[in-house]
């Protein structure tokens, strides 16, 4: 399994400082839906405190939690890849404080500073690989429970 990385600490200090010039502090109350699967992905967050659950709609009546995120974790990667829509939904499991980044501004910065862009894309790709492995495991777990009649 891939190792979970923390986006901001994975960037070298000069690139991290440059990216942080685009950060805006935000907060979400417990149970707030941060984004919905299929909605426009035009921003991302780095969680400062609290917990966020990522979920996948598996039927019209059921969502499956596929990952839980906490301090230092990247929330949202769909802003980086066309068609720029969320692949999962996200809800605040507890009160959350985060740094919010406007995707358009970050992409512009990446064009202006290709070294930063390459580092950012590599780090997001590592996060993505780890999340996909976690999601696959959760979905397999749900499938197994369903097949055994436990759901």
N, C-alpha and C. Protein backbone atom coordinates (compact mmCIF):
# COMPACT_ATOMS: atom_id res chain seq x y z
N UNK A 1 0.84 -1.18 0.00
CA UNK A 1 0.00 0.00 0.00
C UNK A 1 0.89 1.24 0.00
N UNK A 2 0.45 2.26 -0.69
CA UNK A 2 1.20 3.51 -0.72
C UNK A 2 1.11 4.21 0.62
N UNK A 3 2.06 5.07 0.90
CA UNK A 3 2.10 5.80 2.16
C UNK A 3 1.34 7.12 2.01
N UNK A 4 0.56 7.45 3.03
CA UNK A 4 -0.15 8.73 3.02
C UNK A 4 0.85 9.86 3.20
N UNK A 5 0.74 10.91 2.38
CA UNK A 5 1.60 12.07 2.54
C UNK A 5 0.76 13.27 2.92
N UNK A 6 1.42 14.23 3.51
CA UNK A 6 0.79 15.50 3.85
C UNK A 6 1.28 16.51 2.83
N UNK A 7 0.38 17.06 2.06
CA UNK A 7 0.73 17.90 0.92
C UNK A 7 1.67 19.05 1.27
N UNK A 8 1.33 19.82 2.27
CA UNK A 8 2.13 21.01 2.57
C UNK A 8 3.52 20.65 3.10
N UNK A 9 3.60 19.62 3.93
CA UNK A 9 4.92 19.26 4.46
C UNK A 9 5.76 18.53 3.42
N UNK A 10 5.13 18.00 2.39
CA UNK A 10 5.89 17.32 1.33
C UNK A 10 6.55 18.30 0.38
N UNK A 11 6.05 19.52 0.33
CA UNK A 11 6.64 20.55 -0.54
C UNK A 11 7.85 21.18 0.16
N UNK A 12 8.92 21.45 -0.58
CA UNK A 12 10.05 22.18 0.02
C UNK A 12 9.59 23.56 0.49
N UNK A 13 10.22 24.10 1.54
CA UNK A 13 9.77 25.37 2.12
C UNK A 13 9.53 26.51 1.11
N UNK A 14 10.40 26.75 0.13
CA UNK A 14 10.12 27.87 -0.79
C UNK A 14 8.82 27.68 -1.59
N UNK A 15 8.58 26.45 -2.06
CA UNK A 15 7.36 26.17 -2.82
C UNK A 15 6.13 26.20 -1.90
N UNK A 16 6.27 25.69 -0.69
CA UNK A 16 5.17 25.72 0.27
C UNK A 16 4.79 27.17 0.59
N UNK A 17 5.80 28.00 0.83
CA UNK A 17 5.52 29.42 1.13
C UNK A 17 4.83 30.10 -0.03
N UNK A 18 5.26 29.80 -1.25
CA UNK A 18 4.65 30.41 -2.43
C UNK A 18 3.19 29.98 -2.57
N UNK A 19 2.94 28.67 -2.37
CA UNK A 19 1.56 28.18 -2.44
C UNK A 19 0.70 28.80 -1.34
N UNK A 20 1.25 28.96 -0.16
CA UNK A 20 0.48 29.50 0.97
C UNK A 20 0.07 30.96 0.75
N UNK A 21 0.70 31.65 -0.17
CA UNK A 21 0.26 33.02 -0.46
C UNK A 21 -1.15 33.03 -1.04
N UNK A 22 -1.60 31.86 -1.54
CA UNK A 22 -2.94 31.75 -2.14
C UNK A 22 -3.98 31.17 -1.17
N UNK A 23 -3.53 30.83 0.04
CA UNK A 23 -4.42 30.18 1.00
C UNK A 23 -5.36 31.18 1.67
N UNK A 24 -6.54 30.68 1.97
CA UNK A 24 -7.54 31.45 2.71
C UNK A 24 -8.05 30.53 3.82
N UNK A 25 -8.09 31.03 5.06
CA UNK A 25 -8.57 30.20 6.16
C UNK A 25 -10.09 30.14 6.14
N UNK A 26 -10.61 28.91 6.28
CA UNK A 26 -12.05 28.68 6.30
C UNK A 26 -12.38 27.69 7.41
N UNK A 27 -13.66 27.61 7.74
CA UNK A 27 -14.10 26.60 8.71
C UNK A 27 -15.45 26.05 8.27
N UNK A 28 -15.72 24.83 8.72
CA UNK A 28 -16.97 24.15 8.43
C UNK A 28 -17.51 23.57 9.73
N UNK A 29 -18.79 23.75 10.01
CA UNK A 29 -19.35 23.15 11.22
C UNK A 29 -19.51 21.64 11.05
N UNK A 30 -19.63 20.95 12.17
CA UNK A 30 -19.88 19.51 12.14
C UNK A 30 -21.12 19.22 11.28
N UNK A 31 -21.04 18.18 10.49
CA UNK A 31 -22.11 17.70 9.60
C UNK A 31 -22.33 18.56 8.35
N UNK A 32 -21.51 19.58 8.12
CA UNK A 32 -21.65 20.38 6.90
C UNK A 32 -21.16 19.57 5.70
N UNK A 33 -21.95 19.59 4.63
CA UNK A 33 -21.51 18.95 3.39
C UNK A 33 -20.61 19.95 2.70
N UNK A 34 -19.34 19.58 2.50
CA UNK A 34 -18.36 20.49 1.92
C UNK A 34 -18.47 20.50 0.40
N UNK A 35 -18.64 19.34 -0.18
CA UNK A 35 -18.93 19.25 -1.61
C UNK A 35 -19.64 17.94 -1.89
N UNK A 36 -20.31 17.93 -3.03
CA UNK A 36 -21.13 16.80 -3.45
C UNK A 36 -20.51 16.13 -4.67
N UNK A 37 -20.52 14.82 -4.68
CA UNK A 37 -20.05 14.05 -5.83
C UNK A 37 -20.73 14.58 -7.09
N UNK A 38 -19.95 14.86 -8.15
CA UNK A 38 -20.51 15.34 -9.40
C UNK A 38 -20.57 16.86 -9.51
N UNK A 39 -20.35 17.56 -8.40
CA UNK A 39 -20.37 19.02 -8.42
C UNK A 39 -19.08 19.59 -9.00
N UNK A 40 -19.07 20.88 -9.31
CA UNK A 40 -17.87 21.51 -9.90
C UNK A 40 -16.71 21.57 -8.90
N UNK A 41 -15.56 21.07 -9.32
CA UNK A 41 -14.35 21.06 -8.48
C UNK A 41 -13.50 22.26 -8.85
N UNK A 42 -13.65 23.34 -8.10
CA UNK A 42 -12.95 24.57 -8.43
C UNK A 42 -12.05 25.05 -7.29
N UNK A 43 -11.86 24.20 -6.30
CA UNK A 43 -11.01 24.56 -5.15
C UNK A 43 -10.56 23.29 -4.45
N UNK A 44 -9.66 23.44 -3.51
CA UNK A 44 -9.26 22.34 -2.65
C UNK A 44 -8.86 22.90 -1.30
N UNK A 45 -8.69 22.00 -0.34
CA UNK A 45 -8.39 22.39 1.03
C UNK A 45 -7.28 21.54 1.60
N UNK A 46 -6.55 22.10 2.55
CA UNK A 46 -5.66 21.33 3.41
C UNK A 46 -6.23 21.50 4.81
N UNK A 47 -6.58 20.38 5.42
CA UNK A 47 -7.24 20.40 6.72
C UNK A 47 -6.23 20.81 7.80
N UNK A 48 -6.61 21.78 8.59
CA UNK A 48 -5.78 22.22 9.72
C UNK A 48 -6.18 21.49 11.00
N UNK A 49 -7.49 21.33 11.23
CA UNK A 49 -7.97 20.59 12.40
C UNK A 49 -9.36 20.05 12.09
N UNK A 50 -9.71 19.00 12.81
CA UNK A 50 -11.01 18.37 12.60
C UNK A 50 -10.90 17.15 11.71
N UNK A 51 -12.04 16.62 11.34
CA UNK A 51 -12.08 15.40 10.53
C UNK A 51 -13.14 15.54 9.44
N UNK A 52 -12.83 14.98 8.29
CA UNK A 52 -13.72 14.99 7.12
C UNK A 52 -13.88 13.56 6.63
N UNK A 53 -15.11 13.19 6.30
CA UNK A 53 -15.38 11.88 5.72
C UNK A 53 -15.62 12.05 4.22
N UNK A 54 -14.94 11.23 3.43
CA UNK A 54 -15.21 11.17 2.00
C UNK A 54 -16.20 10.04 1.78
N UNK A 55 -17.21 10.31 0.94
CA UNK A 55 -18.20 9.27 0.71
C UNK A 55 -18.49 9.11 -0.77
N UNK A 56 -19.04 7.96 -1.08
CA UNK A 56 -19.41 7.60 -2.45
C UNK A 56 -20.87 7.19 -2.43
N UNK A 57 -21.65 7.74 -3.33
CA UNK A 57 -23.06 7.35 -3.45
C UNK A 57 -23.09 6.00 -4.17
N UNK A 58 -23.59 4.96 -3.49
CA UNK A 58 -23.63 3.63 -4.10
C UNK A 58 -25.04 3.24 -4.55
N UNK A 59 -26.04 3.95 -4.02
CA UNK A 59 -27.41 3.77 -4.48
C UNK A 59 -28.14 5.07 -4.16
N UNK A 60 -29.38 5.16 -4.60
CA UNK A 60 -30.13 6.39 -4.33
C UNK A 60 -30.34 6.62 -2.84
N UNK A 61 -30.21 5.57 -2.05
CA UNK A 61 -30.45 5.69 -0.61
C UNK A 61 -29.22 5.50 0.26
N UNK A 62 -28.10 5.11 -0.34
CA UNK A 62 -26.95 4.77 0.49
C UNK A 62 -25.66 5.44 0.02
N UNK A 63 -24.96 6.01 0.99
CA UNK A 63 -23.60 6.51 0.79
C UNK A 63 -22.66 5.62 1.60
N UNK A 64 -21.48 5.38 1.05
CA UNK A 64 -20.47 4.61 1.76
C UNK A 64 -19.30 5.53 2.06
N UNK A 65 -18.89 5.57 3.32
CA UNK A 65 -17.69 6.33 3.67
C UNK A 65 -16.49 5.55 3.18
N UNK A 66 -15.67 6.20 2.37
CA UNK A 66 -14.51 5.51 1.79
C UNK A 66 -13.20 5.96 2.41
N UNK A 67 -13.20 7.08 3.11
CA UNK A 67 -11.96 7.55 3.75
C UNK A 67 -12.31 8.59 4.79
N UNK A 68 -11.45 8.68 5.78
CA UNK A 68 -11.54 9.74 6.79
C UNK A 68 -10.24 10.52 6.74
N UNK A 69 -10.37 11.84 6.72
CA UNK A 69 -9.21 12.71 6.61
C UNK A 69 -9.09 13.56 7.86
N UNK A 70 -7.85 13.93 8.20
CA UNK A 70 -7.61 14.75 9.37
C UNK A 70 -6.55 15.80 9.10
N UNK A 71 -6.02 16.34 10.17
CA UNK A 71 -5.06 17.45 10.08
C UNK A 71 -3.91 17.13 9.12
N UNK A 72 -3.65 18.08 8.23
CA UNK A 72 -2.58 17.96 7.26
C UNK A 72 -2.98 17.31 5.95
N UNK A 73 -4.15 16.68 5.92
CA UNK A 73 -4.57 15.96 4.71
C UNK A 73 -5.12 16.91 3.65
N UNK A 74 -4.90 16.53 2.41
CA UNK A 74 -5.46 17.22 1.25
C UNK A 74 -6.91 16.79 1.10
N UNK A 75 -7.80 17.75 0.95
CA UNK A 75 -9.21 17.48 0.67
C UNK A 75 -9.50 18.02 -0.72
N UNK A 76 -9.68 17.11 -1.65
CA UNK A 76 -10.01 17.48 -3.03
C UNK A 76 -8.82 17.42 -3.96
N UNK A 77 -8.97 16.61 -5.01
CA UNK A 77 -7.96 16.57 -6.07
C UNK A 77 -8.59 16.67 -7.45
N UNK A 78 -9.89 16.63 -7.52
CA UNK A 78 -10.57 16.65 -8.83
C UNK A 78 -10.39 17.96 -9.57
N UNK A 79 -10.02 19.03 -8.88
CA UNK A 79 -9.76 20.34 -9.49
C UNK A 79 -8.59 20.30 -10.47
N UNK A 80 -7.77 19.26 -10.36
CA UNK A 80 -6.55 19.16 -11.17
C UNK A 80 -6.77 18.43 -12.49
N UNK A 81 -7.87 17.69 -12.62
CA UNK A 81 -8.08 16.83 -13.78
C UNK A 81 -9.44 17.08 -14.42
N UNK A 82 -9.46 17.24 -15.77
CA UNK A 82 -10.75 17.35 -16.45
C UNK A 82 -11.57 16.10 -16.16
N UNK A 83 -12.84 16.20 -16.04
CA UNK A 83 -13.74 17.32 -16.33
C UNK A 83 -13.96 18.27 -15.15
N UNK A 84 -13.09 18.22 -14.12
CA UNK A 84 -13.16 19.13 -12.97
C UNK A 84 -14.48 19.03 -12.21
N UNK A 85 -14.85 17.79 -11.90
CA UNK A 85 -16.01 17.53 -11.05
C UNK A 85 -15.57 16.57 -9.94
N UNK A 86 -16.22 16.69 -8.79
CA UNK A 86 -15.84 15.87 -7.64
C UNK A 86 -16.18 14.41 -7.90
N UNK A 87 -15.22 13.53 -7.60
CA UNK A 87 -15.44 12.09 -7.72
C UNK A 87 -16.08 11.49 -6.47
N UNK A 88 -15.99 12.21 -5.36
CA UNK A 88 -16.58 11.78 -4.09
C UNK A 88 -17.34 12.96 -3.50
N UNK A 89 -18.03 12.72 -2.42
CA UNK A 89 -18.61 13.78 -1.63
C UNK A 89 -17.78 13.92 -0.36
N UNK A 90 -17.93 15.04 0.34
CA UNK A 90 -17.20 15.24 1.59
C UNK A 90 -18.09 15.93 2.60
N UNK A 91 -18.00 15.46 3.84
CA UNK A 91 -18.79 16.03 4.92
C UNK A 91 -17.88 16.19 6.14
N UNK A 92 -18.07 17.28 6.86
CA UNK A 92 -17.30 17.52 8.09
C UNK A 92 -17.81 16.56 9.16
N UNK A 93 -16.94 15.71 9.66
CA UNK A 93 -17.29 14.75 10.69
C UNK A 93 -17.27 15.42 12.06
N UNK A 94 -16.51 16.50 12.15
CA UNK A 94 -16.41 17.32 13.36
C UNK A 94 -16.19 18.75 12.86
N UNK A 95 -16.17 19.74 13.74
CA UNK A 95 -15.83 21.08 13.25
C UNK A 95 -14.45 21.05 12.57
N UNK A 96 -14.36 21.71 11.43
CA UNK A 96 -13.13 21.65 10.62
C UNK A 96 -12.62 23.06 10.36
N UNK A 97 -11.32 23.20 10.49
CA UNK A 97 -10.63 24.42 10.05
C UNK A 97 -9.67 23.98 8.95
N UNK A 98 -9.58 24.79 7.90
CA UNK A 98 -8.77 24.39 6.75
C UNK A 98 -8.24 25.60 6.02
N UNK A 99 -7.21 25.35 5.24
CA UNK A 99 -6.74 26.32 4.25
C UNK A 99 -7.46 26.00 2.96
N UNK A 100 -8.07 27.00 2.35
CA UNK A 100 -8.76 26.82 1.08
C UNK A 100 -7.94 27.46 -0.04
N UNK A 101 -7.86 26.76 -1.16
CA UNK A 101 -7.11 27.25 -2.32
C UNK A 101 -8.03 27.28 -3.53
N UNK A 102 -8.04 28.39 -4.24
CA UNK A 102 -8.78 28.52 -5.49
C UNK A 102 -8.01 27.79 -6.58
N UNK A 103 -8.64 26.83 -7.23
CA UNK A 103 -7.95 26.00 -8.22
C UNK A 103 -7.38 26.82 -9.37
N UNK A 104 -8.15 27.77 -9.86
CA UNK A 104 -7.69 28.58 -10.99
C UNK A 104 -6.39 29.33 -10.64
N UNK A 105 -6.35 29.91 -9.45
CA UNK A 105 -5.16 30.65 -9.02
C UNK A 105 -3.96 29.72 -8.85
N UNK A 106 -4.20 28.53 -8.31
CA UNK A 106 -3.10 27.57 -8.13
C UNK A 106 -2.60 27.09 -9.49
N UNK A 107 -3.49 26.81 -10.40
CA UNK A 107 -3.07 26.36 -11.73
C UNK A 107 -2.27 27.45 -12.46
N UNK A 108 -2.67 28.69 -12.28
CA UNK A 108 -1.93 29.81 -12.88
C UNK A 108 -0.52 29.88 -12.27
N UNK A 109 -0.43 29.73 -10.96
CA UNK A 109 0.87 29.73 -10.30
C UNK A 109 1.74 28.58 -10.81
N UNK A 110 1.15 27.43 -11.02
CA UNK A 110 1.89 26.27 -11.53
C UNK A 110 2.44 26.53 -12.95
N UNK A 111 1.68 27.25 -13.76
CA UNK A 111 2.15 27.61 -15.10
C UNK A 111 3.31 28.60 -15.01
N UNK A 112 3.21 29.53 -14.07
CA UNK A 112 4.27 30.53 -13.90
C UNK A 112 5.53 29.94 -13.28
N UNK A 113 5.35 28.93 -12.43
CA UNK A 113 6.48 28.30 -11.73
C UNK A 113 6.41 26.79 -11.95
N UNK A 114 6.91 26.33 -13.12
CA UNK A 114 6.79 24.91 -13.47
C UNK A 114 7.38 23.95 -12.43
N UNK A 115 8.44 24.35 -11.74
CA UNK A 115 9.02 23.46 -10.72
C UNK A 115 8.00 23.22 -9.59
N UNK A 116 7.34 24.27 -9.16
CA UNK A 116 6.29 24.14 -8.15
C UNK A 116 5.16 23.28 -8.70
N UNK A 117 4.77 23.53 -9.94
CA UNK A 117 3.69 22.76 -10.56
C UNK A 117 3.99 21.28 -10.60
N UNK A 118 5.21 20.93 -10.99
CA UNK A 118 5.60 19.52 -11.06
C UNK A 118 5.58 18.89 -9.67
N UNK A 119 6.11 19.59 -8.68
CA UNK A 119 6.10 19.05 -7.31
C UNK A 119 4.67 18.87 -6.80
N UNK A 120 3.84 19.84 -7.08
CA UNK A 120 2.45 19.77 -6.62
C UNK A 120 1.73 18.60 -7.28
N UNK A 121 1.88 18.46 -8.58
CA UNK A 121 1.22 17.36 -9.31
C UNK A 121 1.72 16.01 -8.80
N UNK A 122 3.02 15.88 -8.57
CA UNK A 122 3.56 14.62 -8.06
C UNK A 122 2.99 14.29 -6.68
N UNK A 123 2.92 15.30 -5.83
CA UNK A 123 2.40 15.07 -4.48
C UNK A 123 0.90 14.75 -4.51
N UNK A 124 0.15 15.45 -5.33
CA UNK A 124 -1.27 15.14 -5.45
C UNK A 124 -1.45 13.73 -6.03
N UNK A 125 -0.60 13.34 -6.96
CA UNK A 125 -0.68 11.99 -7.53
C UNK A 125 -0.42 10.93 -6.45
N UNK A 126 0.51 11.19 -5.55
CA UNK A 126 0.76 10.26 -4.44
C UNK A 126 -0.46 10.16 -3.53
N UNK A 127 -1.06 11.30 -3.23
CA UNK A 127 -2.28 11.31 -2.40
C UNK A 127 -3.36 10.52 -3.11
N UNK A 128 -3.53 10.77 -4.40
CA UNK A 128 -4.55 10.10 -5.20
C UNK A 128 -4.35 8.58 -5.19
N UNK A 129 -3.12 8.14 -5.40
CA UNK A 129 -2.85 6.70 -5.40
C UNK A 129 -3.21 6.07 -4.05
N UNK A 130 -2.84 6.75 -2.98
CA UNK A 130 -3.17 6.24 -1.64
C UNK A 130 -4.68 6.20 -1.43
N UNK A 131 -5.38 7.24 -1.83
CA UNK A 131 -6.83 7.30 -1.63
C UNK A 131 -7.55 6.23 -2.45
N UNK A 132 -7.07 6.00 -3.65
CA UNK A 132 -7.71 4.98 -4.48
C UNK A 132 -7.54 3.60 -3.86
N UNK A 133 -6.38 3.34 -3.28
CA UNK A 133 -6.17 2.06 -2.60
C UNK A 133 -7.11 1.94 -1.40
N UNK A 134 -7.24 3.02 -0.62
CA UNK A 134 -8.14 3.00 0.53
C UNK A 134 -9.58 2.81 0.08
N UNK A 135 -9.98 3.50 -0.97
CA UNK A 135 -11.35 3.40 -1.48
C UNK A 135 -11.64 1.99 -1.96
N UNK A 136 -10.71 1.43 -2.69
CA UNK A 136 -10.90 0.06 -3.17
C UNK A 136 -11.10 -0.89 -2.01
N UNK A 137 -10.29 -0.73 -0.97
CA UNK A 137 -10.42 -1.59 0.21
C UNK A 137 -11.78 -1.44 0.88
N UNK A 138 -12.24 -0.20 1.03
CA UNK A 138 -13.55 0.05 1.66
C UNK A 138 -14.68 -0.54 0.82
N UNK A 139 -14.61 -0.35 -0.49
CA UNK A 139 -15.66 -0.88 -1.36
C UNK A 139 -15.67 -2.40 -1.36
N UNK A 140 -14.48 -3.01 -1.32
CA UNK A 140 -14.41 -4.47 -1.25
C UNK A 140 -14.99 -4.97 0.08
N UNK A 141 -14.71 -4.23 1.14
CA UNK A 141 -15.26 -4.58 2.46
C UNK A 141 -16.78 -4.51 2.42
N UNK A 142 -17.33 -3.45 1.84
CA UNK A 142 -18.79 -3.31 1.73
C UNK A 142 -19.39 -4.42 0.87
N UNK A 143 -18.71 -4.76 -0.22
CA UNK A 143 -19.18 -5.80 -1.12
C UNK A 143 -19.22 -7.15 -0.38
N UNK A 144 -18.17 -7.42 0.37
CA UNK A 144 -18.10 -8.68 1.12
C UNK A 144 -19.21 -8.75 2.16
N UNK A 145 -19.44 -7.65 2.89
CA UNK A 145 -20.52 -7.63 3.87
C UNK A 145 -21.88 -7.83 3.20
N UNK A 146 -22.04 -7.18 2.05
CA UNK A 146 -23.31 -7.31 1.31
C UNK A 146 -23.53 -8.74 0.86
N UNK A 147 -22.48 -9.38 0.35
CA UNK A 147 -22.59 -10.75 -0.14
C UNK A 147 -22.92 -11.72 1.00
N UNK A 148 -22.43 -11.39 2.19
CA UNK A 148 -22.72 -12.25 3.36
C UNK A 148 -24.08 -11.93 3.96
N UNK A 149 -24.74 -10.89 3.45
CA UNK A 149 -26.06 -10.53 3.94
C UNK A 149 -26.02 -9.68 5.20
N UNK A 150 -24.85 -9.12 5.51
CA UNK A 150 -24.72 -8.32 6.72
C UNK A 150 -25.27 -6.91 6.54
N UNK A 151 -25.50 -6.48 5.31
CA UNK A 151 -26.03 -5.12 5.08
C UNK A 151 -27.51 -5.15 4.81
